[in-house]
Amino acid sequence: MTLNAYRCQNGHLTYPEHELCPECGEAQDETVDLAEEIGEVVTWTTSTATPPGVRQPNTLAIVEFSADGESVRAIGQVVEGEEVEIGDEVRPVYAEELRDPDAGIREKESQEWDGYRFEPA
């Protein structure tokens, strides 16, 4: 499983993918896997009123990664039971289910339920 950031021909990184680079308007034609990288917590929050199927409370963090001199930020859940602070180093950890597929109103097969959470490095 990969945690892909996307690079345009001018070297700008974005996450998630966009059809065109938000910075320069060029097509994004390369991926950079962040799954094995260490990032830094920029900010975080804990939600106590979550959508159906999402754990309560649910701590989320915005994490900044650096790849080839460019930085890119990703948002994601923090591993349950872990605490983070601004400036902490974290790593992505694969999770088979980020939320309970039986709790939503959509058909389970209509979307993916896996992804990455962040844990202290």
Protein backbone atom coordinates (compact mmCIF):
# COMPACT_ATOMS: atom_id res chain seq x y z
CA MET A 1 0.00 0.00 0.00
CA THR A 2 1.29 3.46 -0.83
CA LEU A 3 0.68 6.94 0.54
CA ASN A 4 1.23 8.92 -2.63
CA ALA A 5 1.99 12.60 -3.00
CA TYR A 6 1.95 13.88 -6.58
CA ARG A 7 4.61 15.89 -8.41
CA CYS A 8 4.26 18.09 -11.48
CA GLN A 9 7.04 18.66 -14.02
CA ASN A 10 8.08 21.81 -12.10
CA GLY A 11 8.71 19.77 -8.94
CA HIS A 12 5.75 20.94 -6.84
CA LEU A 13 4.26 18.29 -4.55
CA THR A 14 0.59 18.01 -3.59
CA TYR A 15 -1.54 15.69 -1.53
CA PRO A 16 -4.09 14.50 -2.37
CA GLU A 17 -3.85 14.25 -6.14
CA HIS A 18 -5.20 17.04 -8.33
CA GLU A 19 -5.65 16.92 -12.09
CA LEU A 20 -3.43 20.01 -12.39
CA CYS A 21 -0.85 21.34 -9.97
CA PRO A 22 -2.51 23.99 -7.75
CA GLU A 23 0.72 26.02 -7.74
CA CYS A 24 1.61 26.23 -11.45
CA GLY A 25 -1.23 24.54 -13.39
CA GLU A 26 0.94 21.81 -14.95
CA ALA A 27 -0.16 18.17 -15.08
CA GLN A 28 0.90 15.98 -12.18
CA ASP A 29 2.74 13.09 -13.77
CA GLU A 30 4.86 11.54 -10.99
CA THR A 31 4.14 9.99 -7.60
CA VAL A 32 6.22 10.10 -4.44
CA ASP A 33 5.46 7.41 -1.84
CA LEU A 34 5.42 8.90 1.67
CA ALA A 35 4.61 5.58 3.42
CA GLU A 36 8.20 5.09 4.64
CA GLU A 37 8.91 8.76 5.42
CA ILE A 38 8.97 10.63 8.72
CA GLY A 39 6.89 13.81 8.90
CA GLU A 40 6.40 16.61 11.41
CA VAL A 41 3.08 17.50 13.05
CA VAL A 42 2.08 21.02 11.97
CA THR A 43 -1.17 21.04 13.94
CA TRP A 44 -3.70 18.62 15.37
CA THR A 45 -7.20 18.46 16.79
CA THR A 46 -9.48 15.95 18.44
CA SER A 47 -13.05 15.57 17.21
CA THR A 48 -15.62 14.28 19.66
CA ALA A 49 -18.57 14.53 17.27
CA THR A 50 -17.60 12.20 14.45
CA PRO A 51 -19.52 10.84 11.43
CA PRO A 52 -21.14 7.39 11.68
CA GLY A 53 -18.53 4.64 11.89
CA VAL A 54 -15.63 6.91 12.85
CA ARG A 55 -14.14 6.34 16.30
CA GLN A 56 -14.85 8.78 19.13
CA PRO A 57 -12.80 10.68 20.01
CA ASN A 58 -10.88 10.95 16.73
CA THR A 59 -7.55 12.77 16.78
CA LEU A 60 -6.44 14.17 13.42
CA ALA A 61 -3.09 15.69 12.51
CA ILE A 62 -1.75 17.73 9.61
CA VAL A 63 1.73 16.39 8.92
CA GLU A 64 4.43 17.97 6.75
CA PHE A 65 6.74 15.68 4.79
CA SER A 66 9.84 16.64 2.83
CA ALA A 67 10.82 14.94 -0.43
CA ASP A 68 13.69 16.09 -2.65
CA GLY A 69 13.68 19.59 -1.16
CA GLU A 70 9.92 20.10 -1.54
CA SER A 71 7.42 19.89 1.29
CA VAL A 72 3.90 18.50 1.20
CA ARG A 73 1.24 18.24 3.90
CA ALA A 74 -1.20 15.40 4.53
CA ILE A 75 -4.07 15.10 6.99
CA GLY A 76 -4.95 11.89 8.73
CA GLN A 77 -6.00 10.15 11.91
CA VAL A 78 -3.53 9.61 14.73
CA VAL A 79 -3.17 6.00 15.92
CA GLU A 80 -5.68 5.35 18.70
CA GLY A 81 -4.26 5.85 22.18
CA GLU A 82 -1.35 7.96 20.95
CA GLU A 83 -0.92 11.66 21.66
CA VAL A 84 0.88 14.15 19.44
CA GLU A 85 2.03 17.73 19.82
CA ILE A 86 3.06 20.35 17.29
CA GLY A 87 6.61 19.58 16.15
CA ASP A 88 6.44 15.84 16.93
CA GLU A 89 7.87 13.45 14.36
CA VAL A 90 5.41 10.83 13.12
CA ARG A 91 5.35 8.02 10.58
CA PRO A 92 2.45 6.69 8.49
CA VAL A 93 1.03 3.32 9.58
CA TYR A 94 -1.29 1.33 7.30
CA ALA A 95 -4.81 0.61 8.61
CA GLU A 96 -7.22 -1.82 6.93
CA GLU A 97 -10.23 0.18 8.12
CA LEU A 98 -10.23 3.88 8.93
CA ARG A 99 -13.93 3.64 9.74
CA ASP A 100 -16.58 0.95 10.12
CA PRO A 101 -17.95 0.07 6.65
CA ASP A 102 -21.21 -1.21 8.19
CA ALA A 103 -22.03 2.17 9.78
CA GLY A 104 -22.28 4.22 6.59
CA ILE A 105 -25.21 4.77 4.28
CA ARG A 106 -23.22 3.82 1.16
CA GLU A 107 -22.70 0.30 -0.14
CA LYS A 108 -19.51 -1.19 1.34
CA GLU A 109 -18.20 -2.10 -2.10
CA SER A 110 -18.62 1.46 -3.39
CA GLN A 111 -15.51 2.83 -1.67
CA GLU A 112 -12.22 1.92 -0.07
CA TRP A 113 -11.98 1.77 3.71
CA ASP A 114 -8.23 1.48 4.21
CA GLY A 115 -5.54 4.12 4.44
CA TYR A 116 -2.91 5.51 6.77
CA ARG A 117 -2.83 6.83 10.30
CA PHE A 118 0.08 8.60 11.97
CA GLU A 119 2.03 7.33 15.00
CA PRO A 120 4.89 8.95 16.89
CA ALA A 121 8.25 8.07 15.32
